[in-house]
Amino acid sequence: MPKMKTNSSAKKRFSLTGTGKIARKNAYKSHILTKKSTKRKRNLTTTSMVNDADMGNVKRMLCIGK
């Protein structure tokens, strides 16, 4: 059986933390930034963790064992 291929778009969007969680960037930070407040844009800069409901799908795309 051939090796599993990592999803190329997923490896650009997600990163694995030291504790095994998967970090992601927040949406709504790419364009139309003039109407958003400075505080809102600053809070969107920080990374978030992937929700537990989505963890299985993301791990499958990144070929991470369960």
Protein backbone atom coordinates (compact mmCIF):
# COMPACT_ATOMS: atom_id res chain seq x y z
CA MET A 1 0.00 0.00 0.00
CA PRO A 2 1.43 3.43 -0.89
CA LYS A 3 2.20 6.09 1.67
CA MET A 4 -0.44 8.64 2.61
CA LYS A 5 0.02 12.05 1.00
CA THR A 6 -0.22 15.16 3.14
CA ASN A 7 -2.77 17.69 1.94
CA SER A 8 -0.67 20.58 0.59
CA SER A 9 -3.15 23.28 1.52
CA ALA A 10 -3.47 21.94 5.07
CA LYS A 11 0.27 21.91 5.74
CA LYS A 12 0.39 25.61 4.83
CA ARG A 13 -2.54 26.51 7.12
CA PHE A 14 -2.00 24.42 10.26
CA SER A 15 0.93 23.84 12.60
CA LEU A 16 1.44 21.31 15.35
CA THR A 17 2.20 22.62 18.86
CA GLY A 18 4.53 20.97 21.33
CA THR A 19 1.63 19.49 23.30
CA GLY A 20 0.10 17.90 20.20
CA LYS A 21 -2.63 20.45 19.55
CA ILE A 22 -3.12 21.97 16.10
CA ALA A 23 -2.84 25.74 15.74
CA ARG A 24 -4.61 27.77 13.07
CA LYS A 25 -4.83 31.40 12.01
CA ASN A 26 -8.01 33.42 12.35
CA ALA A 27 -10.16 34.37 9.39
CA TYR A 28 -11.28 37.88 8.36
CA LYS A 29 -7.79 39.42 8.39
CA SER A 30 -6.99 39.50 4.67
CA HIS A 31 -8.95 42.38 3.09
CA ILE A 32 -11.56 45.08 3.78
CA LEU A 33 -9.65 46.09 6.89
CA THR A 34 -10.60 49.77 6.91
CA LYS A 35 -14.03 49.21 8.48
CA LYS A 36 -12.63 46.91 11.19
CA SER A 37 -11.41 48.44 14.42
CA THR A 38 -7.77 48.30 15.45
CA LYS A 39 -8.62 46.15 18.45
CA ARG A 40 -10.51 43.67 16.28
CA LYS A 41 -7.63 43.39 13.78
CA ARG A 42 -5.10 42.98 16.59
CA ASN A 43 -7.13 40.17 18.17
CA LEU A 44 -7.38 38.40 14.81
CA THR A 45 -3.56 38.34 14.60
CA THR A 46 -3.19 35.75 17.37
CA THR A 47 -3.40 32.05 16.58
CA SER A 48 -6.23 29.81 17.77
CA MET A 49 -6.51 26.09 18.32
CA VAL A 50 -8.53 23.78 16.09
CA ASN A 51 -11.81 22.69 17.65
CA ASP A 52 -12.10 19.10 18.90
CA ALA A 53 -14.93 18.44 16.41
CA ASP A 54 -12.60 19.28 13.51
CA MET A 55 -9.46 17.65 14.92
CA GLY A 56 -10.00 14.30 13.20
CA ASN A 57 -10.40 15.82 9.76
CA VAL A 58 -7.34 18.05 10.15
CA LYS A 59 -5.20 15.17 11.45
CA ARG A 60 -6.28 13.09 8.48
CA MET A 61 -5.24 15.86 6.08
CA LEU A 62 -1.87 16.24 7.82
CA CYS A 63 -1.37 12.44 8.08
CA ILE A 64 -0.90 12.57 11.84
CA GLY A 65 -1.57 9.33 13.71
CA LYS A 66 -4.41 9.24 16.21
